[in-house]
Amino acid sequence: MADSAQTWTVLKLINWTKDFFEKARLETPRLCAEMLLAHVLQCPRIGLYTRLDYQPLPAELAEFRELVGRARKFEPVAYLVGEKEFYSRRFKVTPDVLVPRSETELLVREAVGHLRPKPGPLTAWDVCTGSGCVGIALATQVKELAVLATDISPKAVEVATENAQANQVADRVRCRVSDLLTLPEDCRDLAPFEVITGNPPYISLNQMISETVKHEPSIALWGGKDGMDFIGPILAKAPEVLRSGGALIMEFGYAMADAVRDATVATGQFHEPRILRDHQEIERAMVAMRK
C-alpha cells in the first residue's frame, strides 16, 4: 500500500495484505487481512465479498494501514479488532486476556458431553477463565447450568463479566477474582461442582513462543520450569470441590501429557485420565473423573 495514488478496492487490499503478511510469516494471513478490513469497514467478514469493488475512503485506508503495520509487528489481530470468535460466538478480548484458540474448544465439547445427560440443576467452575470464553460457552450450551468463572486478574474478570452480559448468560455465570481453586465465599452454594474446566498457565520456561504470543499477558502464559506450577495445585485442590463422578477437564502444553497423567493418578482421587488430541493431533487436554 505504499502507492497512495493507486486505486484500492476491497479485493486489491485483501490480496496485497495477504501477500504482505505471508512474507512476514504471520499465521493465517488472508484471515488476518479480512478481519482487519472488515473491522475498519464495520461489516461482517463475509460482507467483504459483496463489496469487492468498493473503494475505501481515505480515512478508512489510513486506519487500515495503521492496523496492518501493527499486525506486521506481531500484535495479535484479535487485540487490534477487539474480539475473537470461539465456539461460534463472539468474545471481547483485550491485552489483559489470552486470545481464545480453537484447541481450547476441546474443553467445552467434553464438558458439554459430560453435562447434558445429567439431570439439572448443574454447576461448573471454569478456573483461569481469562475472557470467560469456556465458561460462557458452556452456559450457552447447557441451559440448566450455573457457572463460576474465576481468574486472579481483576481486569480479566472485568472482560469476562462483559462477555457474559453480551452473550446473555450473566444471570447464570458468576465472574469472580480468585486464585486458582480458592472458592469465593459468595459462591459456596455452587459446590460441589459437576465439572471443573481450566486453561491454566502451562508454558515452561525453556519453551520457545511465537512473536505474537509474546504480546499476550505473561501471567496467563508461564507455568514454571516444567509447566506444572499451576496444574499441580489445581489437581491437588480439585477433589475438595468436585463431586464424586464429576469431571476435571484441563488443557496443557506440548509434550506434557505424561507428566499431567502421572500427577493426576498420583493424587489417588481420580481414575486414569483420558488424553485428548487437538485438530493437529497434538495431545492437548485431559479428562479425569473423580472417584
Protein backbone atom coordinates (compact mmCIF):
# COMPACT_ATOMS: atom_id res chain seq x y z
CA MET A 1 0.00 0.00 0.00
CA ALA A 2 2.97 2.28 -0.46
CA ASP A 3 1.50 3.86 -3.61
CA SER A 4 -1.17 6.21 -2.28
CA ALA A 5 -2.13 7.23 -5.84
CA GLN A 6 -3.22 3.70 -6.72
CA THR A 7 -6.92 2.91 -6.67
CA TRP A 8 -7.52 0.48 -3.84
CA THR A 9 -10.56 -1.76 -3.83
CA VAL A 10 -11.53 -4.25 -1.17
CA LEU A 11 -10.27 -7.11 -3.34
CA LYS A 12 -6.90 -5.43 -4.00
CA LEU A 13 -6.46 -4.66 -0.30
CA ILE A 14 -7.18 -8.24 0.73
CA ASN A 15 -4.78 -9.70 -1.81
CA TRP A 16 -1.99 -7.20 -1.17
CA THR A 17 -2.24 -7.57 2.61
CA LYS A 18 -2.38 -11.36 2.40
CA ASP A 19 0.88 -11.37 0.44
CA PHE A 20 2.41 -8.84 2.83
CA PHE A 21 1.51 -10.97 5.85
CA GLU A 22 2.74 -14.15 4.17
CA LYS A 23 6.16 -12.58 3.67
CA ALA A 24 6.15 -11.58 7.33
CA ARG A 25 5.25 -15.18 8.23
CA LEU A 26 2.07 -14.32 10.07
CA GLU A 27 -0.27 -17.23 10.67
CA THR A 28 -3.50 -17.32 8.59
CA PRO A 29 -2.50 -14.25 6.53
CA ARG A 30 -5.69 -13.97 4.46
CA LEU A 31 -7.92 -14.38 7.51
CA CYS A 32 -5.95 -11.65 9.30
CA ALA A 33 -6.26 -9.32 6.33
CA GLU A 34 -10.00 -9.87 6.09
CA MET A 35 -10.56 -9.43 9.84
CA LEU A 36 -8.74 -6.10 9.85
CA LEU A 37 -10.51 -4.78 6.77
CA ALA A 38 -13.95 -5.89 7.99
CA HIS A 39 -13.25 -4.14 11.29
CA VAL A 40 -12.32 -0.89 9.52
CA LEU A 41 -15.34 -1.05 7.20
CA GLN A 42 -17.62 -2.06 10.09
CA CYS A 43 -19.09 -5.05 8.34
CA PRO A 44 -19.07 -8.84 8.86
CA ARG A 45 -16.07 -10.54 7.29
CA ILE A 46 -18.32 -12.36 4.82
CA GLY A 47 -19.75 -8.96 3.88
CA LEU A 48 -16.44 -8.08 2.23
CA TYR A 49 -17.32 -10.46 -0.61
CA THR A 50 -20.43 -8.48 -1.51
CA ARG A 51 -18.39 -5.31 -1.95
CA LEU A 52 -15.12 -6.43 -3.54
CA ASP A 53 -15.15 -3.41 -5.87
CA TYR A 54 -15.74 -0.90 -3.07
CA GLN A 55 -13.03 1.77 -2.77
CA PRO A 56 -12.45 2.62 0.90
CA LEU A 57 -12.42 6.29 1.84
CA PRO A 58 -9.08 7.96 2.65
CA ALA A 59 -9.80 7.81 6.38
CA GLU A 60 -10.63 4.10 6.12
CA LEU A 61 -7.42 3.44 4.18
CA ALA A 62 -5.39 5.32 6.78
CA GLU A 63 -6.90 3.31 9.62
CA PHE A 64 -6.34 0.06 7.73
CA ARG A 65 -2.70 0.95 7.03
CA GLU A 66 -2.10 1.60 10.71
CA LEU A 67 -3.62 -1.73 11.77
CA VAL A 68 -1.69 -3.63 9.11
CA GLY A 69 1.52 -2.08 10.36
CA ARG A 70 0.79 -3.10 13.93
CA ALA A 71 -0.13 -6.62 12.87
CA ARG A 72 3.15 -6.80 10.96
CA LYS A 73 4.87 -6.18 14.29
CA PHE A 74 3.03 -9.27 15.59
CA GLU A 75 0.33 -7.57 17.65
CA PRO A 76 -2.48 -10.16 17.78
CA VAL A 77 -5.19 -9.30 15.29
CA ALA A 78 -7.80 -10.18 17.91
CA TYR A 79 -6.48 -7.35 20.09
CA LEU A 80 -6.50 -4.96 17.15
CA VAL A 81 -10.14 -5.64 16.33
CA GLY A 82 -11.14 -6.20 19.96
CA GLU A 83 -12.84 -9.57 19.57
CA LYS A 84 -12.38 -13.23 18.68
CA GLU A 85 -14.75 -16.00 17.66
CA PHE A 86 -14.88 -19.02 19.96
CA TYR A 87 -17.39 -21.87 19.84
CA SER A 88 -19.35 -19.92 17.19
CA ARG A 89 -19.74 -16.89 19.46
CA ARG A 90 -18.01 -13.54 19.60
CA PHE A 91 -15.96 -12.63 22.64
CA LYS A 92 -14.40 -9.32 23.58
CA VAL A 93 -10.65 -9.61 24.05
CA THR A 94 -8.09 -7.13 25.34
CA PRO A 95 -4.36 -7.42 26.11
CA ASP A 96 -5.44 -8.40 29.66
CA VAL A 97 -6.64 -11.84 28.49
CA LEU A 98 -5.40 -14.65 26.31
CA VAL A 99 -6.70 -14.80 22.76
CA PRO A 100 -9.20 -17.70 22.64
CA ARG A 101 -7.94 -20.53 20.45
CA SER A 102 -9.72 -23.31 18.60
CA GLU A 103 -7.91 -26.07 20.52
CA THR A 104 -9.43 -24.80 23.78
CA GLU A 105 -12.86 -25.63 22.36
CA LEU A 106 -11.96 -29.21 23.34
CA LEU A 107 -12.74 -28.27 26.94
CA VAL A 108 -16.21 -27.05 26.05
CA ARG A 109 -17.01 -30.06 23.87
CA GLU A 110 -16.02 -32.55 26.55
CA ALA A 111 -17.76 -30.66 29.34
CA VAL A 112 -20.99 -30.40 27.35
CA GLY A 113 -20.85 -34.13 26.62
CA HIS A 114 -20.49 -34.84 30.33
CA LEU A 115 -23.18 -32.41 31.49
CA ARG A 116 -26.03 -32.86 29.03
CA PRO A 117 -27.07 -36.36 30.14
CA LYS A 118 -27.21 -35.21 33.78
CA PRO A 119 -30.44 -34.00 35.40
CA GLY A 120 -30.35 -30.34 36.39
CA PRO A 121 -29.66 -28.05 38.07
CA LEU A 122 -25.91 -28.35 37.47
CA THR A 123 -22.82 -26.33 38.34
CA ALA A 124 -19.42 -25.91 36.68
CA TRP A 125 -16.28 -23.97 37.58
CA ASP A 126 -14.01 -22.51 34.91
CA VAL A 127 -10.69 -21.66 36.55
CA CYS A 128 -8.16 -19.25 34.96
CA THR A 129 -11.10 -18.06 32.91
CA GLY A 130 -9.48 -15.08 31.13
CA SER A 131 -12.08 -13.76 28.67
CA GLY A 132 -14.60 -16.22 30.11
CA CYS A 133 -14.95 -17.96 26.76
CA VAL A 134 -15.03 -21.54 28.11
CA GLY A 135 -17.43 -20.98 30.97
CA ILE A 136 -19.71 -18.73 28.94
CA ALA A 137 -19.79 -21.15 26.01
CA LEU A 138 -20.77 -23.88 28.47
CA ALA A 139 -23.63 -21.79 29.81
CA THR A 140 -24.93 -21.16 26.30
CA GLN A 141 -24.92 -24.90 25.55
CA VAL A 142 -26.37 -26.27 28.82
CA LYS A 143 -29.43 -24.30 29.86
CA GLU A 144 -29.72 -25.59 33.44
CA LEU A 145 -26.08 -24.87 34.23
CA ALA A 146 -24.75 -22.28 36.67
CA VAL A 147 -21.10 -21.38 36.09
CA LEU A 148 -18.42 -19.91 38.32
CA ALA A 149 -15.71 -18.21 36.22
CA THR A 150 -12.62 -17.13 38.16
CA ASP A 151 -9.27 -15.52 37.45
CA ILE A 152 -6.55 -13.95 39.56
CA SER A 153 -6.57 -10.88 37.29
CA PRO A 154 -9.28 -8.31 38.12
CA LYS A 155 -9.02 -6.87 34.61
CA ALA A 156 -9.60 -10.31 33.09
CA VAL A 157 -12.66 -10.76 35.30
CA GLU A 158 -14.00 -7.42 34.03
CA VAL A 159 -13.67 -8.68 30.44
CA ALA A 160 -15.34 -12.00 31.35
CA THR A 161 -18.21 -10.13 33.01
CA GLU A 162 -18.78 -8.07 29.86
CA ASN A 163 -18.73 -11.22 27.74
CA ALA A 164 -21.27 -12.94 29.98
CA GLN A 165 -23.57 -9.95 29.59
CA ALA A 166 -23.04 -9.76 25.82
CA ASN A 167 -23.84 -13.46 25.46
CA GLN A 168 -26.95 -13.10 27.65
CA VAL A 169 -25.89 -15.58 30.33
CA ALA A 170 -24.91 -13.12 33.09
CA ASP A 171 -27.74 -14.49 35.25
CA ARG A 172 -26.04 -17.92 35.23
CA VAL A 173 -22.34 -17.02 35.11
CA ARG A 174 -20.70 -15.55 38.20
CA CYS A 175 -17.35 -13.92 37.41
CA ARG A 176 -15.06 -13.54 40.41
CA VAL A 177 -11.45 -12.72 41.26
CA SER A 178 -9.85 -15.77 42.86
CA ASP A 179 -6.51 -17.59 43.00
CA LEU A 180 -6.88 -20.97 41.26
CA LEU A 181 -9.44 -23.13 43.12
CA THR A 182 -9.95 -20.88 46.11
CA LEU A 183 -13.74 -20.86 46.34
CA PRO A 184 -15.18 -17.34 46.80
CA GLU A 185 -17.32 -17.03 49.91
CA ASP A 186 -20.38 -15.86 47.99
CA CYS A 187 -20.21 -18.87 45.65
CA ARG A 188 -20.12 -21.70 48.17
CA ASP A 189 -23.71 -22.56 47.28
CA LEU A 190 -22.48 -23.82 43.90
CA ALA A 191 -20.24 -26.54 45.36
CA PRO A 192 -19.68 -29.38 44.81
CA PHE A 193 -19.25 -28.92 41.05
CA GLU A 194 -20.16 -31.41 38.35
CA VAL A 195 -17.39 -30.12 36.09
CA ILE A 196 -14.21 -28.11 36.54
CA THR A 197 -12.57 -26.76 33.40
CA GLY A 198 -9.24 -24.99 33.22
CA ASN A 199 -6.74 -23.49 30.82
CA PRO A 200 -4.03 -22.53 33.32
CA PRO A 201 -0.59 -21.09 32.51
CA TYR A 202 1.48 -24.04 31.29
CA ILE A 203 4.31 -22.80 29.07
CA SER A 204 7.63 -23.98 30.52
CA LEU A 205 10.46 -21.51 31.00
CA ASN A 206 12.67 -23.04 28.31
CA GLN A 207 9.93 -23.23 25.68
CA MET A 208 10.02 -21.01 22.61
CA ILE A 209 6.90 -18.97 21.85
CA SER A 210 5.89 -17.01 18.78
CA GLU A 211 6.31 -13.26 18.49
CA THR A 212 2.52 -12.89 18.52
CA VAL A 213 2.11 -14.84 21.75
CA LYS A 214 4.70 -12.57 23.40
CA HIS A 215 2.08 -9.81 23.27
CA GLU A 216 -0.32 -11.82 25.44
CA PRO A 217 -0.36 -11.45 29.26
CA SER A 218 2.62 -13.23 30.80
CA ILE A 219 0.60 -14.05 33.92
CA ALA A 220 -1.59 -16.30 31.76
CA LEU A 221 1.27 -17.99 29.90
CA TRP A 222 4.18 -19.11 32.04
CA GLY A 223 3.84 -22.26 34.12
CA GLY A 224 7.29 -22.54 35.67
CA LYS A 225 10.29 -24.72 34.90
CA ASP A 226 8.26 -27.73 33.72
CA GLY A 227 4.91 -26.03 33.06
CA MET A 228 3.31 -27.67 36.12
CA ASP A 229 3.35 -24.77 38.61
CA PHE A 230 -0.41 -24.22 38.32
CA ILE A 231 -1.59 -27.60 37.06
CA GLY A 232 -0.23 -29.32 40.18
CA PRO A 233 -2.15 -27.14 42.68
CA ILE A 234 -5.35 -27.49 40.63
CA LEU A 235 -5.03 -31.28 40.73
CA ALA A 236 -4.45 -31.18 44.48
CA LYS A 237 -7.39 -28.90 45.26
CA ALA A 238 -9.99 -30.12 42.75
CA PRO A 239 -11.15 -33.19 44.75
CA GLU A 240 -12.29 -30.88 47.57
CA VAL A 241 -14.79 -29.06 45.34
CA LEU A 242 -15.58 -31.61 42.61
CA ARG A 243 -18.48 -34.01 43.01
CA SER A 244 -17.77 -37.75 43.05
CA GLY A 245 -18.13 -38.84 39.43
CA GLY A 246 -17.50 -35.27 38.31
CA ALA A 247 -15.06 -34.35 35.55
CA LEU A 248 -11.88 -32.30 35.70
CA ILE A 249 -11.13 -31.12 32.14
CA MET A 250 -7.87 -29.26 31.71
CA GLU A 251 -5.67 -28.01 28.89
CA PHE A 252 -1.88 -28.46 28.96
CA GLY A 253 1.14 -27.81 26.79
CA TYR A 254 3.13 -29.65 24.16
CA ALA A 255 4.76 -32.90 25.39
CA MET A 256 3.22 -32.55 28.86
CA ALA A 257 0.72 -35.43 28.61
CA ASP A 258 2.81 -37.96 30.55
CA ALA A 259 3.59 -35.53 33.36
CA VAL A 260 -0.06 -34.48 33.67
CA ARG A 261 -1.25 -38.09 33.58
CA ASP A 262 1.22 -39.14 36.27
CA ALA A 263 0.38 -36.19 38.50
CA THR A 264 -3.34 -36.87 38.15
CA VAL A 265 -3.03 -40.54 39.06
CA ALA A 266 -0.66 -39.71 41.94
CA THR A 267 -3.42 -37.79 43.74
CA GLY A 268 -5.29 -41.07 44.25
CA GLN A 269 -8.52 -39.13 43.73
CA PHE A 270 -9.08 -39.66 40.02
CA HIS A 271 -9.47 -42.54 37.61
CA GLU A 272 -6.91 -42.87 34.80
CA PRO A 273 -7.32 -39.68 32.75
CA ARG A 274 -8.33 -39.67 29.11
CA ILE A 275 -5.97 -37.63 26.93
CA LEU A 276 -7.47 -35.52 24.13
CA ARG A 277 -5.77 -34.51 20.89
CA ASP A 278 -6.41 -31.22 19.12
CA HIS A 279 -7.02 -30.67 15.40
CA GLN A 280 -3.29 -31.00 14.77
CA GLU A 281 -3.23 -34.38 16.55
CA ILE A 282 -1.23 -32.88 19.44
CA GLU A 283 -2.03 -34.15 22.93
CA ARG A 284 -3.65 -31.03 24.33
CA ALA A 285 -6.06 -31.73 27.20
CA MET A 286 -7.23 -34.36 29.65
CA VAL A 287 -10.47 -35.54 31.20
CA ALA A 288 -10.18 -37.05 34.69
CA MET A 289 -13.17 -38.44 36.55
CA ARG A 290 -13.17 -38.10 40.32
CA LYS A 291 -13.51 -41.37 42.19
